Amino acid sequence: MKTITEYANIFSKLKNVIKLYESMLELITNSNIEYCLNTSHLMENKKQLFFASVKTGKTYVSFYLMPVYVLPDLTENISPELKKGM
């Protein structure tokens, strides 16, 4: 099991990956445990389309990136271990 510091480091690295796109998207949440970005596109239900988020818990760090579900070709070069966690 990883330590709290290791989870915090993973969270920070993943946050920095999606933070690169913050200027083109809308920042929804920015805290020590969660970072979330949405697009400006409004769906039929009048809610913004989710783009990406990273969140840390007691024993995990979750990372969600919607483009990989919309454009499956983006997953061609990821490891089998990472793909299994999708």
N, C-alpha and C. Protein backbone atom coordinates (compact mmCIF):
# COMPACT_ATOMS: atom_id res chain seq x y z
N MET A 1 0.84 -1.18 0.00
CA MET A 1 0.00 0.00 0.00
C MET A 1 0.89 1.25 0.00
N LYS A 2 0.45 2.25 -0.73
CA LYS A 2 1.21 3.49 -0.82
C LYS A 2 0.97 4.36 0.41
N THR A 3 1.90 5.28 0.65
CA THR A 3 1.76 6.21 1.76
C THR A 3 0.95 7.43 1.33
N ILE A 4 0.53 8.22 2.29
CA ILE A 4 -0.22 9.45 1.99
C ILE A 4 0.61 10.37 1.10
N THR A 5 1.90 10.43 1.35
CA THR A 5 2.79 11.27 0.54
C THR A 5 2.86 10.77 -0.90
N GLU A 6 2.90 9.47 -1.09
CA GLU A 6 2.93 8.91 -2.44
C GLU A 6 1.64 9.23 -3.20
N TYR A 7 0.49 9.11 -2.52
CA TYR A 7 -0.78 9.47 -3.15
C TYR A 7 -0.81 10.95 -3.50
N ALA A 8 -0.29 11.79 -2.61
CA ALA A 8 -0.25 13.23 -2.87
C ALA A 8 0.63 13.55 -4.07
N ASN A 9 1.74 12.84 -4.22
CA ASN A 9 2.64 13.04 -5.36
C ASN A 9 1.97 12.61 -6.67
N ILE A 10 1.28 11.48 -6.65
CA ILE A 10 0.57 11.00 -7.84
C ILE A 10 -0.51 12.02 -8.22
N PHE A 11 -1.27 12.47 -7.22
CA PHE A 11 -2.31 13.47 -7.46
C PHE A 11 -1.71 14.72 -8.11
N SER A 12 -0.62 15.20 -7.55
CA SER A 12 0.02 16.42 -8.06
C SER A 12 0.48 16.26 -9.51
N LYS A 13 1.07 15.13 -9.83
CA LYS A 13 1.54 14.89 -11.20
C LYS A 13 0.37 14.83 -12.18
N LEU A 14 -0.70 14.14 -11.82
CA LEU A 14 -1.86 14.04 -12.70
C LEU A 14 -2.57 15.39 -12.84
N LYS A 15 -2.63 16.13 -11.75
CA LYS A 15 -3.23 17.46 -11.78
C LYS A 15 -2.47 18.36 -12.76
N ASN A 16 -1.15 18.29 -12.71
CA ASN A 16 -0.34 19.11 -13.62
C ASN A 16 -0.54 18.75 -15.08
N VAL A 17 -0.87 17.50 -15.35
CA VAL A 17 -1.14 17.08 -16.73
C VAL A 17 -2.37 17.77 -17.27
N ILE A 18 -3.47 17.74 -16.53
CA ILE A 18 -4.70 18.34 -17.04
C ILE A 18 -4.74 19.86 -16.83
N LYS A 19 -3.94 20.35 -15.90
CA LYS A 19 -3.90 21.80 -15.65
C LYS A 19 -3.39 22.55 -16.88
N LEU A 20 -2.63 21.88 -17.73
CA LEU A 20 -2.13 22.49 -18.96
C LEU A 20 -3.28 23.00 -19.84
N TYR A 21 -4.48 22.44 -19.67
CA TYR A 21 -5.63 22.78 -20.50
C TYR A 21 -6.60 23.73 -19.82
N GLU A 22 -6.26 24.18 -18.63
CA GLU A 22 -7.17 25.01 -17.84
C GLU A 22 -7.57 26.30 -18.57
N SER A 23 -6.66 26.90 -19.30
CA SER A 23 -6.99 28.16 -19.97
C SER A 23 -8.02 27.99 -21.08
N MET A 24 -8.16 26.76 -21.59
CA MET A 24 -9.11 26.50 -22.67
C MET A 24 -10.43 25.92 -22.15
N LEU A 25 -10.48 25.61 -20.86
CA LEU A 25 -11.65 24.95 -20.27
C LEU A 25 -12.12 25.73 -19.06
N GLU A 26 -13.12 25.21 -18.39
CA GLU A 26 -13.61 25.88 -17.19
C GLU A 26 -13.22 25.09 -15.95
N LEU A 27 -12.56 25.77 -15.04
CA LEU A 27 -12.16 25.16 -13.78
C LEU A 27 -13.38 25.01 -12.88
N ILE A 28 -13.65 23.79 -12.46
CA ILE A 28 -14.81 23.49 -11.62
C ILE A 28 -14.39 23.32 -10.16
N THR A 29 -13.34 22.56 -9.93
CA THR A 29 -12.87 22.29 -8.57
C THR A 29 -11.35 22.35 -8.56
N ASN A 30 -10.81 23.02 -7.54
CA ASN A 30 -9.36 23.09 -7.38
C ASN A 30 -9.05 23.08 -5.89
N SER A 31 -8.77 21.90 -5.37
CA SER A 31 -8.45 21.76 -3.95
C SER A 31 -7.26 20.83 -3.80
N ASN A 32 -6.89 20.55 -2.57
CA ASN A 32 -5.77 19.63 -2.31
C ASN A 32 -6.09 18.19 -2.63
N ILE A 33 -7.39 17.88 -2.79
CA ILE A 33 -7.77 16.49 -3.04
C ILE A 33 -8.54 16.28 -4.35
N GLU A 34 -8.95 17.39 -5.01
CA GLU A 34 -9.71 17.24 -6.25
C GLU A 34 -9.45 18.41 -7.19
N TYR A 35 -9.35 18.07 -8.47
CA TYR A 35 -9.17 19.07 -9.52
C TYR A 35 -10.02 18.63 -10.69
N CYS A 36 -10.91 19.52 -11.17
CA CYS A 36 -11.86 19.13 -12.21
C CYS A 36 -12.01 20.24 -13.24
N LEU A 37 -12.05 19.86 -14.52
CA LEU A 37 -12.25 20.78 -15.63
C LEU A 37 -13.43 20.32 -16.48
N ASN A 38 -14.23 21.28 -16.93
CA ASN A 38 -15.32 21.01 -17.86
C ASN A 38 -15.10 21.81 -19.14
N THR A 39 -15.76 21.38 -20.19
CA THR A 39 -15.75 22.16 -21.42
C THR A 39 -16.82 23.24 -21.31
N SER A 40 -16.87 24.15 -22.27
CA SER A 40 -17.92 25.16 -22.27
C SER A 40 -19.17 24.67 -23.02
N HIS A 41 -19.08 23.48 -23.61
CA HIS A 41 -20.20 22.91 -24.36
C HIS A 41 -21.34 22.53 -23.41
N LEU A 42 -22.54 23.00 -23.71
CA LEU A 42 -23.71 22.63 -22.92
C LEU A 42 -24.42 21.46 -23.57
N MET A 43 -24.70 20.45 -22.77
CA MET A 43 -25.42 19.29 -23.27
C MET A 43 -26.92 19.58 -23.28
N GLU A 44 -27.70 18.62 -23.73
CA GLU A 44 -29.16 18.81 -23.80
C GLU A 44 -29.77 19.12 -22.43
N ASN A 45 -29.16 18.60 -21.37
CA ASN A 45 -29.68 18.85 -20.02
C ASN A 45 -29.17 20.17 -19.44
N LYS A 46 -28.53 20.99 -20.26
CA LYS A 46 -28.03 22.32 -19.90
C LYS A 46 -26.84 22.28 -18.96
N LYS A 47 -26.23 21.12 -18.79
CA LYS A 47 -25.02 21.01 -17.98
C LYS A 47 -23.81 20.99 -18.89
N GLN A 48 -22.71 21.49 -18.37
CA GLN A 48 -21.47 21.49 -19.15
C GLN A 48 -20.94 20.07 -19.33
N LEU A 49 -20.30 19.85 -20.46
CA LEU A 49 -19.70 18.56 -20.75
C LEU A 49 -18.41 18.41 -19.93
N PHE A 50 -18.33 17.33 -19.18
CA PHE A 50 -17.17 17.01 -18.36
C PHE A 50 -15.96 16.76 -19.25
N PHE A 51 -14.78 17.22 -18.82
CA PHE A 51 -13.56 16.96 -19.57
C PHE A 51 -12.62 16.02 -18.81
N ALA A 52 -12.19 16.43 -17.61
CA ALA A 52 -11.24 15.60 -16.87
C ALA A 52 -11.24 15.97 -15.39
N SER A 53 -10.83 15.00 -14.57
CA SER A 53 -10.65 15.27 -13.14
C SER A 53 -9.67 14.29 -12.54
N VAL A 54 -9.10 14.71 -11.45
CA VAL A 54 -8.24 13.84 -10.64
C VAL A 54 -8.68 14.06 -9.19
N LYS A 55 -8.75 12.96 -8.44
CA LYS A 55 -9.22 13.03 -7.06
C LYS A 55 -8.46 12.01 -6.23
N THR A 56 -8.12 12.39 -5.03
CA THR A 56 -7.42 11.46 -4.15
C THR A 56 -8.31 11.11 -2.97
N GLY A 57 -8.20 9.86 -2.55
CA GLY A 57 -8.92 9.37 -1.39
C GLY A 57 -7.93 8.77 -0.40
N LYS A 58 -8.42 8.05 0.57
CA LYS A 58 -7.53 7.45 1.57
C LYS A 58 -6.59 6.41 0.97
N THR A 59 -7.11 5.64 0.01
CA THR A 59 -6.29 4.54 -0.53
C THR A 59 -6.28 4.51 -2.05
N TYR A 60 -6.50 5.65 -2.68
CA TYR A 60 -6.53 5.66 -4.15
C TYR A 60 -6.34 7.08 -4.68
N VAL A 61 -6.00 7.14 -5.95
CA VAL A 61 -6.07 8.38 -6.72
C VAL A 61 -6.82 8.02 -7.99
N SER A 62 -7.92 8.72 -8.25
CA SER A 62 -8.70 8.45 -9.46
C SER A 62 -8.40 9.52 -10.50
N PHE A 63 -8.43 9.11 -11.75
CA PHE A 63 -8.17 10.02 -12.86
C PHE A 63 -9.17 9.72 -13.96
N TYR A 64 -9.92 10.72 -14.35
CA TYR A 64 -10.94 10.56 -15.39
C TYR A 64 -10.63 11.51 -16.53
N LEU A 65 -10.58 10.98 -17.73
CA LEU A 65 -10.31 11.78 -18.93
C LEU A 65 -11.31 11.36 -20.00
N MET A 66 -12.34 12.16 -20.18
CA MET A 66 -13.43 11.80 -21.09
C MET A 66 -13.00 11.61 -22.54
N PRO A 67 -12.04 12.36 -23.06
CA PRO A 67 -11.67 12.15 -24.47
C PRO A 67 -11.29 10.70 -24.81
N VAL A 68 -10.78 9.93 -23.87
CA VAL A 68 -10.44 8.54 -24.19
C VAL A 68 -11.68 7.67 -24.41
N TYR A 69 -12.82 8.11 -23.89
CA TYR A 69 -14.07 7.38 -24.11
C TYR A 69 -14.73 7.81 -25.40
N VAL A 70 -14.52 9.06 -25.79
CA VAL A 70 -15.10 9.59 -27.02
C VAL A 70 -14.24 9.23 -28.23
N LEU A 71 -12.93 9.19 -28.03
CA LEU A 71 -11.98 8.86 -29.10
C LEU A 71 -11.15 7.65 -28.66
N PRO A 72 -11.67 6.44 -28.79
CA PRO A 72 -10.99 5.24 -28.30
C PRO A 72 -9.58 5.03 -28.85
N ASP A 73 -9.28 5.60 -30.00
CA ASP A 73 -7.92 5.45 -30.56
C ASP A 73 -6.86 6.03 -29.62
N LEU A 74 -7.25 6.93 -28.74
CA LEU A 74 -6.30 7.51 -27.79
C LEU A 74 -5.76 6.47 -26.81
N THR A 75 -6.45 5.35 -26.68
CA THR A 75 -6.02 4.32 -25.72
C THR A 75 -5.10 3.27 -26.33
N GLU A 76 -4.81 3.39 -27.61
CA GLU A 76 -4.01 2.36 -28.29
C GLU A 76 -2.62 2.16 -27.69
N ASN A 77 -2.03 3.21 -27.14
CA ASN A 77 -0.65 3.13 -26.64
C ASN A 77 -0.54 3.08 -25.13
N ILE A 78 -1.64 2.84 -24.42
CA ILE A 78 -1.52 2.76 -22.97
C ILE A 78 -1.26 1.31 -22.56
N SER A 79 -0.66 1.16 -21.40
CA SER A 79 -0.29 -0.17 -20.92
C SER A 79 -1.52 -1.01 -20.61
N PRO A 80 -1.40 -2.34 -20.68
CA PRO A 80 -2.52 -3.22 -20.34
C PRO A 80 -3.00 -3.00 -18.89
N GLU A 81 -2.05 -2.70 -17.97
CA GLU A 81 -2.42 -2.47 -16.58
C GLU A 81 -3.30 -1.23 -16.43
N LEU A 82 -2.94 -0.17 -17.15
CA LEU A 82 -3.73 1.06 -17.09
C LEU A 82 -5.09 0.86 -17.75
N LYS A 83 -5.09 0.16 -18.88
CA LYS A 83 -6.35 -0.09 -19.59
C LYS A 83 -7.31 -0.92 -18.75
N LYS A 84 -6.75 -1.85 -17.98
CA LYS A 84 -7.58 -2.70 -17.10
C LYS A 84 -8.31 -1.86 -16.06
N GLY A 85 -7.73 -0.76 -15.64
CA GLY A 85 -8.33 0.09 -14.62
C GLY A 85 -9.40 1.04 -15.14
N MET A 86 -9.61 1.03 -16.46
CA MET A 86 -10.61 1.94 -17.02
C MET A 86 -12.02 1.47 -16.69
